[in-house]
Amino acid sequence: MWKSGSRDAANIYVLSIRLYTIGFYIYRLLNVPARYFLEISLLKYLGTSVNSCGRRLLILQCNAAHLPRLYSEVRDRHFRPAGRVVEIFGNIKFPYASVLCYNRPAGAVGEKFFAK
């Protein structure tokens, strides 16, 4: 534990403030409201939409290094809830995920999606 007046505690406090402000300005460049800052930092890139099947099913091509968990929540490019991952299929290099959307599929083909 650091003492409240020690140099280490002060350095860590300054470093945390700098990282917060750097991240804040990065998200401001992306035109994202500040109230979503902490929530967005927990999201990871899921993939891009390839096709929509029926009224509520969306097919995404995922990043092989960052596969989502089943039934994880999916957000669109405006960070609004879009649906949940219900299946992951395809080969190891180019996996696909099917997303069951809450309403109609949010977005066009080629749009980016994120997972929580």
N, C-alpha and C. Protein backbone atom coordinates (compact mmCIF):
# COMPACT_ATOMS: atom_id res chain seq x y z
N MET A 1 0.84 -1.18 0.00
CA MET A 1 0.00 0.00 0.00
C MET A 1 0.88 1.24 0.00
N TRP A 2 0.44 2.21 -0.73
CA TRP A 2 1.16 3.47 -0.77
C TRP A 2 0.59 4.42 0.26
N LYS A 3 1.46 5.21 0.81
CA LYS A 3 1.00 6.25 1.73
C LYS A 3 0.39 7.36 0.90
N SER A 4 -0.53 8.07 1.48
CA SER A 4 -1.25 9.09 0.71
C SER A 4 -0.34 10.23 0.28
N GLY A 5 0.73 10.48 0.99
CA GLY A 5 1.60 11.59 0.62
C GLY A 5 2.86 11.15 -0.10
N SER A 6 2.99 9.89 -0.46
CA SER A 6 4.23 9.41 -1.07
C SER A 6 4.32 9.81 -2.54
N ARG A 7 5.52 9.75 -3.05
CA ARG A 7 5.77 10.13 -4.44
C ARG A 7 5.16 9.12 -5.40
N ASP A 8 5.19 7.83 -5.05
CA ASP A 8 4.62 6.79 -5.91
C ASP A 8 3.12 6.98 -6.12
N ALA A 9 2.42 7.29 -5.04
CA ALA A 9 0.98 7.50 -5.15
C ALA A 9 0.67 8.70 -6.03
N ALA A 10 1.45 9.74 -5.91
CA ALA A 10 1.24 10.93 -6.73
C ALA A 10 1.51 10.62 -8.19
N ASN A 11 2.56 9.86 -8.48
CA ASN A 11 2.89 9.50 -9.87
C ASN A 11 1.80 8.64 -10.49
N ILE A 12 1.27 7.71 -9.74
CA ILE A 12 0.21 6.84 -10.25
C ILE A 12 -1.05 7.66 -10.50
N TYR A 13 -1.35 8.58 -9.60
CA TYR A 13 -2.52 9.43 -9.78
C TYR A 13 -2.40 10.29 -11.04
N VAL A 14 -1.25 10.87 -11.27
CA VAL A 14 -1.02 11.70 -12.46
C VAL A 14 -1.10 10.84 -13.71
N LEU A 15 -0.52 9.64 -13.68
CA LEU A 15 -0.56 8.75 -14.83
C LEU A 15 -1.99 8.34 -15.16
N SER A 16 -2.79 8.05 -14.14
CA SER A 16 -4.18 7.65 -14.39
C SER A 16 -4.97 8.81 -15.00
N ILE A 17 -4.72 10.02 -14.55
CA ILE A 17 -5.41 11.18 -15.13
C ILE A 17 -4.99 11.39 -16.57
N ARG A 18 -3.72 11.21 -16.87
CA ARG A 18 -3.25 11.38 -18.25
C ARG A 18 -3.86 10.34 -19.18
N LEU A 19 -3.91 9.08 -18.73
CA LEU A 19 -4.51 8.03 -19.56
C LEU A 19 -5.99 8.30 -19.77
N TYR A 20 -6.67 8.77 -18.76
CA TYR A 20 -8.09 9.08 -18.91
C TYR A 20 -8.30 10.20 -19.92
N THR A 21 -7.51 11.25 -19.85
CA THR A 21 -7.69 12.37 -20.78
C THR A 21 -7.32 11.97 -22.20
N ILE A 22 -6.28 11.15 -22.38
CA ILE A 22 -5.92 10.69 -23.72
C ILE A 22 -7.06 9.87 -24.31
N GLY A 23 -7.60 8.94 -23.52
CA GLY A 23 -8.72 8.13 -24.00
C GLY A 23 -9.95 8.97 -24.27
N PHE A 24 -10.18 9.97 -23.44
CA PHE A 24 -11.32 10.86 -23.63
C PHE A 24 -11.22 11.60 -24.96
N TYR A 25 -10.04 12.11 -25.28
CA TYR A 25 -9.88 12.84 -26.53
C TYR A 25 -9.97 11.91 -27.75
N ILE A 26 -9.51 10.68 -27.61
CA ILE A 26 -9.63 9.72 -28.71
C ILE A 26 -11.11 9.47 -29.01
N TYR A 27 -11.90 9.25 -27.98
CA TYR A 27 -13.32 9.00 -28.20
C TYR A 27 -14.06 10.25 -28.64
N ARG A 28 -13.59 11.43 -28.28
CA ARG A 28 -14.19 12.66 -28.78
C ARG A 28 -13.93 12.80 -30.28
N LEU A 29 -12.78 12.32 -30.74
CA LEU A 29 -12.50 12.36 -32.17
C LEU A 29 -13.44 11.43 -32.94
N LEU A 30 -13.91 10.39 -32.29
CA LEU A 30 -14.84 9.46 -32.93
C LEU A 30 -16.29 9.92 -32.83
N ASN A 31 -16.51 11.12 -32.29
CA ASN A 31 -17.84 11.70 -32.13
C ASN A 31 -18.75 10.83 -31.26
N VAL A 32 -18.22 10.37 -30.14
CA VAL A 32 -18.99 9.56 -29.20
C VAL A 32 -19.26 10.42 -27.97
N PRO A 33 -20.49 10.44 -27.47
CA PRO A 33 -20.78 11.23 -26.28
C PRO A 33 -19.94 10.79 -25.09
N ALA A 34 -19.61 11.74 -24.23
CA ALA A 34 -18.73 11.47 -23.10
C ALA A 34 -19.35 10.51 -22.10
N ARG A 35 -20.68 10.45 -22.04
CA ARG A 35 -21.31 9.56 -21.05
C ARG A 35 -21.07 8.09 -21.35
N TYR A 36 -20.68 7.76 -22.60
CA TYR A 36 -20.41 6.38 -22.97
C TYR A 36 -18.94 6.01 -22.83
N PHE A 37 -18.12 6.90 -22.31
CA PHE A 37 -16.68 6.68 -22.30
C PHE A 37 -16.28 5.40 -21.59
N LEU A 38 -16.75 5.18 -20.36
CA LEU A 38 -16.37 3.98 -19.61
C LEU A 38 -16.98 2.73 -20.21
N GLU A 39 -18.20 2.83 -20.71
CA GLU A 39 -18.86 1.68 -21.31
C GLU A 39 -18.18 1.26 -22.61
N ILE A 40 -17.75 2.22 -23.40
CA ILE A 40 -17.09 1.93 -24.67
C ILE A 40 -15.73 1.30 -24.46
N SER A 41 -15.06 1.68 -23.38
CA SER A 41 -13.73 1.12 -23.13
C SER A 41 -13.81 -0.37 -22.85
N LEU A 42 -14.98 -0.89 -22.48
CA LEU A 42 -15.14 -2.32 -22.23
C LEU A 42 -15.52 -3.11 -23.48
N LEU A 43 -15.86 -2.43 -24.57
CA LEU A 43 -16.26 -3.10 -25.79
C LEU A 43 -15.07 -3.53 -26.62
N LYS A 44 -15.24 -4.59 -27.38
CA LYS A 44 -14.19 -5.02 -28.30
C LYS A 44 -14.81 -5.23 -29.68
N TYR A 45 -13.99 -5.05 -30.69
CA TYR A 45 -14.45 -5.15 -32.08
C TYR A 45 -14.86 -6.58 -32.37
N LEU A 46 -16.08 -6.75 -32.88
CA LEU A 46 -16.59 -8.08 -33.18
C LEU A 46 -16.39 -8.44 -34.64
N GLY A 47 -16.78 -7.56 -35.55
CA GLY A 47 -16.63 -7.84 -36.97
C GLY A 47 -17.54 -6.97 -37.81
N THR A 48 -17.59 -7.29 -39.10
CA THR A 48 -18.42 -6.52 -40.01
C THR A 48 -19.57 -7.40 -40.52
N SER A 49 -20.67 -6.76 -40.80
CA SER A 49 -21.84 -7.51 -41.27
C SER A 49 -21.64 -7.94 -42.72
N VAL A 50 -22.03 -9.17 -43.01
CA VAL A 50 -21.89 -9.75 -44.34
C VAL A 50 -23.24 -9.88 -45.01
N ASN A 51 -24.24 -10.29 -44.23
CA ASN A 51 -25.55 -10.55 -44.80
C ASN A 51 -26.60 -10.51 -43.70
N SER A 52 -27.83 -10.29 -44.08
CA SER A 52 -28.94 -10.42 -43.14
C SER A 52 -29.87 -11.50 -43.66
N CYS A 53 -30.30 -12.35 -42.78
CA CYS A 53 -31.18 -13.47 -43.15
C CYS A 53 -32.50 -13.30 -42.44
N GLY A 54 -33.56 -13.18 -43.19
CA GLY A 54 -34.87 -13.02 -42.59
C GLY A 54 -35.03 -11.64 -41.98
N ARG A 55 -35.87 -11.57 -40.96
CA ARG A 55 -36.17 -10.28 -40.35
C ARG A 55 -35.24 -9.92 -39.21
N ARG A 56 -34.70 -10.91 -38.49
CA ARG A 56 -33.95 -10.59 -37.28
C ARG A 56 -32.58 -11.21 -37.19
N LEU A 57 -32.13 -11.92 -38.20
CA LEU A 57 -30.84 -12.60 -38.12
C LEU A 57 -29.80 -11.86 -38.96
N LEU A 58 -28.64 -11.64 -38.38
CA LEU A 58 -27.56 -10.91 -39.03
C LEU A 58 -26.30 -11.77 -38.99
N ILE A 59 -25.60 -11.88 -40.11
CA ILE A 59 -24.37 -12.67 -40.19
C ILE A 59 -23.18 -11.71 -40.20
N LEU A 60 -22.22 -11.94 -39.29
CA LEU A 60 -21.03 -11.12 -39.17
C LEU A 60 -19.79 -11.94 -39.45
N GLN A 61 -18.82 -11.36 -40.15
CA GLN A 61 -17.51 -11.99 -40.29
C GLN A 61 -16.65 -11.48 -39.16
N CYS A 62 -16.21 -12.38 -38.29
CA CYS A 62 -15.51 -12.01 -37.06
C CYS A 62 -14.00 -11.97 -37.26
N ASN A 63 -13.36 -11.34 -36.31
CA ASN A 63 -11.91 -11.34 -36.22
C ASN A 63 -11.52 -12.64 -35.50
N ALA A 64 -10.65 -13.43 -36.08
CA ALA A 64 -10.31 -14.73 -35.50
C ALA A 64 -9.60 -14.60 -34.16
N ALA A 65 -8.91 -13.50 -33.93
CA ALA A 65 -8.17 -13.32 -32.68
C ALA A 65 -9.10 -12.93 -31.53
N HIS A 66 -10.26 -12.35 -31.83
CA HIS A 66 -11.15 -11.85 -30.79
C HIS A 66 -12.55 -12.42 -30.97
N LEU A 67 -12.71 -13.70 -30.75
CA LEU A 67 -14.02 -14.31 -30.89
C LEU A 67 -14.89 -13.95 -29.70
N PRO A 68 -16.16 -13.66 -29.92
CA PRO A 68 -17.05 -13.31 -28.80
C PRO A 68 -17.55 -14.57 -28.10
N ARG A 69 -18.04 -14.39 -26.91
CA ARG A 69 -18.69 -15.48 -26.21
C ARG A 69 -20.12 -15.61 -26.72
N LEU A 70 -20.67 -16.80 -26.57
CA LEU A 70 -22.06 -16.99 -26.97
C LEU A 70 -22.97 -16.17 -26.07
N TYR A 71 -24.02 -15.64 -26.65
CA TYR A 71 -25.04 -14.83 -25.98
C TYR A 71 -24.49 -13.53 -25.41
N SER A 72 -23.35 -13.08 -25.93
CA SER A 72 -22.86 -11.76 -25.52
C SER A 72 -23.61 -10.69 -26.31
N GLU A 73 -23.73 -9.52 -25.70
CA GLU A 73 -24.50 -8.44 -26.31
C GLU A 73 -23.69 -7.78 -27.42
N VAL A 74 -24.36 -7.48 -28.53
CA VAL A 74 -23.71 -6.87 -29.69
C VAL A 74 -24.21 -5.43 -29.82
N ARG A 75 -23.27 -4.52 -30.09
CA ARG A 75 -23.61 -3.10 -30.27
C ARG A 75 -23.25 -2.68 -31.69
N ASP A 76 -23.99 -1.70 -32.23
CA ASP A 76 -23.71 -1.21 -33.57
C ASP A 76 -22.68 -0.08 -33.52
N ARG A 77 -22.48 0.61 -34.64
CA ARG A 77 -21.44 1.63 -34.69
C ARG A 77 -21.77 2.87 -33.87
N HIS A 78 -23.04 3.02 -33.50
CA HIS A 78 -23.43 4.12 -32.61
C HIS A 78 -23.48 3.66 -31.15
N PHE A 79 -23.00 2.44 -30.91
CA PHE A 79 -22.92 1.82 -29.59
C PHE A 79 -24.30 1.62 -28.96
N ARG A 80 -25.31 1.40 -29.80
CA ARG A 80 -26.65 1.06 -29.34
C ARG A 80 -26.78 -0.46 -29.36
N PRO A 81 -27.53 -1.05 -28.44
CA PRO A 81 -27.71 -2.51 -28.44
C PRO A 81 -28.38 -2.97 -29.73
N ALA A 82 -27.78 -3.96 -30.37
CA ALA A 82 -28.31 -4.47 -31.63
C ALA A 82 -28.90 -5.87 -31.48
N GLY A 83 -28.27 -6.72 -30.65
CA GLY A 83 -28.76 -8.08 -30.48
C GLY A 83 -27.80 -8.91 -29.66
N ARG A 84 -27.91 -10.24 -29.82
CA ARG A 84 -27.04 -11.17 -29.09
C ARG A 84 -26.46 -12.21 -30.05
N VAL A 85 -25.24 -12.65 -29.76
CA VAL A 85 -24.58 -13.70 -30.55
C VAL A 85 -25.23 -15.03 -30.19
N VAL A 86 -25.74 -15.75 -31.20
CA VAL A 86 -26.40 -17.03 -30.93
C VAL A 86 -25.61 -18.22 -31.49
N GLU A 87 -24.71 -17.96 -32.44
CA GLU A 87 -23.96 -19.09 -33.03
C GLU A 87 -22.67 -18.57 -33.65
N ILE A 88 -21.61 -19.37 -33.52
CA ILE A 88 -20.35 -19.08 -34.19
C ILE A 88 -20.04 -20.27 -35.08
N PHE A 89 -19.77 -20.02 -36.35
CA PHE A 89 -19.55 -21.11 -37.30
C PHE A 89 -18.50 -20.70 -38.31
N GLY A 90 -18.12 -21.62 -39.17
CA GLY A 90 -17.11 -21.35 -40.19
C GLY A 90 -15.77 -21.97 -39.80
N ASN A 91 -14.74 -21.65 -40.59
CA ASN A 91 -13.43 -22.23 -40.29
C ASN A 91 -12.66 -21.37 -39.29
N ILE A 92 -11.47 -21.80 -38.95
CA ILE A 92 -10.70 -21.14 -37.90
C ILE A 92 -10.17 -19.79 -38.35
N LYS A 93 -9.77 -19.66 -39.59
CA LYS A 93 -9.19 -18.40 -40.06
C LYS A 93 -10.24 -17.32 -40.26
N PHE A 94 -11.42 -17.68 -40.75
CA PHE A 94 -12.46 -16.70 -41.04
C PHE A 94 -13.78 -17.14 -40.40
N PRO A 95 -13.92 -16.98 -39.09
CA PRO A 95 -15.16 -17.40 -38.44
C PRO A 95 -16.29 -16.40 -38.70
N TYR A 96 -17.50 -16.89 -38.59
CA TYR A 96 -18.70 -16.08 -38.74
C TYR A 96 -19.52 -16.21 -37.46
N ALA A 97 -20.29 -15.19 -37.17
CA ALA A 97 -21.19 -15.21 -36.02
C ALA A 97 -22.58 -14.82 -36.49
N SER A 98 -23.58 -15.52 -36.00
CA SER A 98 -24.95 -15.11 -36.30
C SER A 98 -25.49 -14.38 -35.08
N VAL A 99 -26.10 -13.24 -35.34
CA VAL A 99 -26.61 -12.36 -34.29
C VAL A 99 -28.12 -12.28 -34.43
N LEU A 100 -28.82 -12.58 -33.36
CA LEU A 100 -30.26 -12.43 -33.33
C LEU A 100 -30.55 -11.01 -32.86
N CYS A 101 -31.05 -10.19 -33.77
CA CYS A 101 -31.26 -8.77 -33.49
C CYS A 101 -32.53 -8.57 -32.66
N TYR A 102 -32.54 -7.49 -31.90
CA TYR A 102 -33.71 -7.15 -31.10
C TYR A 102 -34.86 -6.71 -32.00
N ASN A 103 -34.58 -5.89 -32.98
CA ASN A 103 -35.57 -5.43 -33.95
C ASN A 103 -35.12 -5.88 -35.33
N ARG A 104 -35.25 -5.05 -36.31
CA ARG A 104 -34.71 -5.35 -37.63
C ARG A 104 -33.19 -5.27 -37.57
N PRO A 105 -32.49 -5.95 -38.50
CA PRO A 105 -31.02 -5.87 -38.48
C PRO A 105 -30.55 -4.43 -38.58
N ALA A 106 -29.71 -4.03 -37.63
CA ALA A 106 -29.26 -2.64 -37.54
C ALA A 106 -28.06 -2.43 -38.46
N GLY A 107 -28.28 -1.72 -39.54
CA GLY A 107 -27.15 -1.37 -40.39
C GLY A 107 -27.11 -2.13 -41.69
N ALA A 108 -26.28 -1.63 -42.57
CA ALA A 108 -26.13 -2.21 -43.89
C ALA A 108 -24.96 -3.20 -43.91
N VAL A 109 -24.77 -3.82 -45.05
CA VAL A 109 -23.65 -4.74 -45.22
C VAL A 109 -22.35 -3.96 -45.14
N GLY A 110 -21.40 -4.46 -44.36
CA GLY A 110 -20.11 -3.79 -44.21
C GLY A 110 -20.01 -2.92 -42.98
N GLU A 111 -21.06 -2.83 -42.19
CA GLU A 111 -21.03 -2.00 -40.99
C GLU A 111 -20.32 -2.73 -39.86
N LYS A 112 -19.62 -1.99 -39.00
CA LYS A 112 -18.86 -2.57 -37.90
C LYS A 112 -19.76 -2.79 -36.69
N PHE A 113 -19.48 -3.90 -35.97
CA PHE A 113 -20.22 -4.22 -34.76
C PHE A 113 -19.23 -4.52 -33.65
N PHE A 114 -19.67 -4.33 -32.40
CA PHE A 114 -18.83 -4.50 -31.23
C PHE A 114 -19.53 -5.40 -30.23
N ALA A 115 -18.74 -6.10 -29.40
CA ALA A 115 -19.30 -7.00 -28.40
C ALA A 115 -18.88 -6.55 -27.02
N LYS A 116 -19.75 -6.83 -26.08
CA LYS A 116 -19.47 -6.44 -24.69
C LYS A 116 -18.77 -7.58 -23.98
